[in-house]
């Protein structure tokens, strides 16, 4: 069986202990980062992650309440389609901000988590944020074009 210094490589060792990458990561992690450093890193990152997630939650709750009250107001006041769009664009901007905060917390979490679950979560949030950001930018560009067209119309 071939060996690379610290790790015996063969079909049996890989199938019983996990993938080669997992084995390598565990070995390098345990050699470079000792237990006291690992405990210190966990002690620092966990409160930071919770704080960032709390900020994201506050952004979502605050922006949802703002959108709700703006929507209720506009139900009873004469409102143009442009004003409705502005309410939803403003709300979408805040949701993108919250998703960005969640992505930051997940990036920090992946520095202390070696599991695939954390990587999957960060990938999902990144994809959602990317699509939301794309469509938000598209809507903002449409609103700018409409404003430009209205300003250029002869009176």
Protein backbone atom coordinates (compact mmCIF):
# COMPACT_ATOMS: atom_id res chain seq x y z
CA UNK A 1 0.00 0.00 0.00
CA UNK A 2 1.47 3.41 -0.97
CA UNK A 3 2.18 5.89 1.80
CA UNK A 4 2.66 9.65 1.82
CA UNK A 5 4.46 10.06 5.13
CA UNK A 6 1.61 10.47 7.57
CA UNK A 7 -1.18 8.72 5.70
CA UNK A 8 -1.42 5.20 4.30
CA UNK A 9 -3.33 5.37 1.04
CA UNK A 10 -5.30 2.46 -0.30
CA UNK A 11 -8.85 1.49 -1.21
CA UNK A 12 -9.52 -0.04 2.18
CA UNK A 13 -8.25 2.95 4.21
CA UNK A 14 -10.26 5.41 2.12
CA UNK A 15 -13.49 3.45 2.25
CA UNK A 16 -13.33 2.83 6.00
CA UNK A 17 -12.18 6.25 7.16
CA UNK A 18 -13.92 8.51 4.63
CA UNK A 19 -12.52 10.31 1.65
CA UNK A 20 -8.86 11.09 1.20
CA UNK A 21 -9.62 14.80 1.40
CA UNK A 22 -11.43 14.35 4.70
CA UNK A 23 -8.51 12.38 6.11
CA UNK A 24 -6.01 14.98 4.93
CA UNK A 25 -8.05 17.85 6.37
CA UNK A 26 -8.40 16.12 9.73
CA UNK A 27 -4.67 15.40 9.90
CA UNK A 28 -3.55 18.88 8.87
CA UNK A 29 -6.14 20.49 11.14
CA UNK A 30 -5.05 18.47 14.17
CA UNK A 31 -1.33 19.03 13.46
CA UNK A 32 -1.44 22.78 12.77
CA UNK A 33 -4.24 23.85 15.08
CA UNK A 34 -3.82 22.44 18.55
CA UNK A 35 -6.71 21.90 20.93
CA UNK A 36 -6.22 25.17 22.90
CA UNK A 37 -6.23 27.21 19.68
CA UNK A 38 -9.25 25.32 18.39
CA UNK A 39 -11.16 25.97 21.63
CA UNK A 40 -10.21 29.66 21.51
CA UNK A 41 -11.34 29.89 17.89
CA UNK A 42 -14.69 28.26 18.74
CA UNK A 43 -15.15 30.53 21.76
CA UNK A 44 -14.61 33.62 19.61
CA UNK A 45 -16.53 32.64 16.48
CA UNK A 46 -19.72 31.29 18.04
CA UNK A 47 -20.82 34.61 19.63
CA UNK A 48 -19.79 36.49 16.48
CA UNK A 49 -21.92 34.17 14.32
CA UNK A 50 -24.91 34.54 16.64
CA UNK A 51 -24.53 38.34 16.65
CA UNK A 52 -24.38 38.57 12.86
CA UNK A 53 -27.39 36.25 12.53
CA UNK A 54 -29.26 38.44 15.04
CA UNK A 55 -28.46 41.53 12.94
CA UNK A 56 -29.82 39.75 9.85
CA UNK A 57 -32.97 38.82 11.76
CA UNK A 58 -33.46 42.42 12.91
CA UNK A 59 -33.06 43.66 9.34
CA UNK A 60 -35.66 41.17 8.07
CA UNK A 61 -38.14 41.94 10.85
CA UNK A 62 -37.69 45.72 10.58
CA UNK A 63 -37.95 45.81 6.81
CA UNK A 64 -40.96 43.46 6.82
CA UNK A 65 -42.79 45.71 9.29
CA UNK A 66 -41.90 48.78 7.22
CA UNK A 67 -43.15 47.12 4.01
CA UNK A 68 -46.32 45.98 5.79
CA UNK A 69 -47.18 49.45 7.09
CA UNK A 70 -46.32 51.10 3.75
CA UNK A 71 -48.57 48.58 2.00
CA UNK A 72 -51.44 49.20 4.45
CA UNK A 73 -51.10 52.96 3.97
CA UNK A 74 -51.12 52.65 0.19
CA UNK A 75 -54.23 50.47 0.26
CA UNK A 76 -56.24 53.43 1.55
CA UNK A 77 -54.46 56.28 -0.24
CA UNK A 78 -54.42 57.01 -3.95
CA UNK A 79 -51.20 55.37 -5.11
CA UNK A 80 -49.58 54.94 -8.49
CA UNK A 81 -47.95 51.76 -9.71
CA UNK A 82 -44.58 53.49 -9.41
CA UNK A 83 -45.09 54.05 -5.67
CA UNK A 84 -46.03 50.37 -5.20
CA UNK A 85 -42.86 49.34 -7.02
CA UNK A 86 -40.77 51.64 -4.83
CA UNK A 87 -42.12 49.97 -1.67
CA UNK A 88 -41.19 46.52 -2.94
CA UNK A 89 -37.79 47.60 -4.27
CA UNK A 90 -36.95 49.15 -0.92
CA UNK A 91 -38.04 45.95 0.83
CA UNK A 92 -35.97 43.82 -1.56
CA UNK A 93 -32.86 45.92 -0.90
CA UNK A 94 -33.18 45.23 2.82
CA UNK A 95 -33.66 41.50 2.18
CA UNK A 96 -30.48 41.44 0.10
CA UNK A 97 -28.67 43.16 2.97
CA UNK A 98 -29.95 40.54 5.43
CA UNK A 99 -28.90 37.72 3.12
CA UNK A 100 -25.45 39.29 2.89
CA UNK A 101 -25.18 39.29 6.67
CA UNK A 102 -26.25 35.65 6.79
CA UNK A 103 -23.68 34.79 4.15
CA UNK A 104 -20.98 36.50 6.25
CA UNK A 105 -22.00 34.50 9.30
CA UNK A 106 -21.93 31.28 7.29
CA UNK A 107 -18.47 32.06 5.94
CA UNK A 108 -17.22 32.50 9.49
CA UNK A 109 -18.99 29.30 10.52
CA UNK A 110 -17.28 27.31 7.77
CA UNK A 111 -13.92 28.28 9.26
CA UNK A 112 -14.69 26.21 12.35
CA UNK A 113 -16.96 23.57 10.82
CA UNK A 114 -15.56 20.78 8.69
CA UNK A 115 -18.91 19.27 7.66
CA UNK A 116 -20.56 19.39 4.27
CA UNK A 117 -23.80 20.71 5.82
CA UNK A 118 -22.29 24.14 6.48
CA UNK A 119 -20.83 24.28 3.00
CA UNK A 120 -24.21 23.35 1.51
CA UNK A 121 -25.98 26.05 3.52
CA UNK A 122 -23.53 28.75 2.44
CA UNK A 123 -23.89 27.65 -1.19
CA UNK A 124 -27.70 27.85 -1.00
CA UNK A 125 -27.65 31.30 0.59
CA UNK A 126 -25.14 32.52 -2.00
CA UNK A 127 -27.33 31.27 -4.86
CA UNK A 128 -30.48 32.85 -3.37
CA UNK A 129 -28.67 36.14 -2.77
CA UNK A 130 -27.25 36.13 -6.28
CA UNK A 131 -30.66 35.57 -7.92
CA UNK A 132 -32.38 38.11 -5.68
CA UNK A 133 -29.64 40.64 -6.33
CA UNK A 134 -29.85 40.04 -10.09
CA UNK A 135 -33.60 40.63 -10.24
CA UNK A 136 -33.39 43.59 -7.87
CA UNK A 137 -30.80 45.25 -10.09
CA UNK A 138 -32.97 44.51 -13.11
CA UNK A 139 -35.99 46.18 -11.45
CA UNK A 140 -33.91 49.19 -10.41
CA UNK A 141 -32.67 49.60 -13.99
CA UNK A 142 -36.28 49.48 -15.27
CA UNK A 143 -37.34 52.16 -12.77
CA UNK A 144 -34.42 54.37 -13.86
CA UNK A 145 -35.35 53.91 -17.52
CA UNK A 146 -38.97 54.86 -16.81
CA UNK A 147 -37.89 57.95 -14.86
CA UNK A 148 -35.58 58.95 -17.72
CA UNK A 149 -38.36 58.45 -20.28
CA UNK A 150 -40.82 60.54 -18.23
CA UNK A 151 -38.32 63.37 -17.85
CA UNK A 152 -37.61 63.43 -21.60
CA UNK A 153 -41.31 63.51 -22.64
CA UNK A 154 -42.38 66.88 -24.09
CA UNK A 155 -44.90 68.77 -21.97
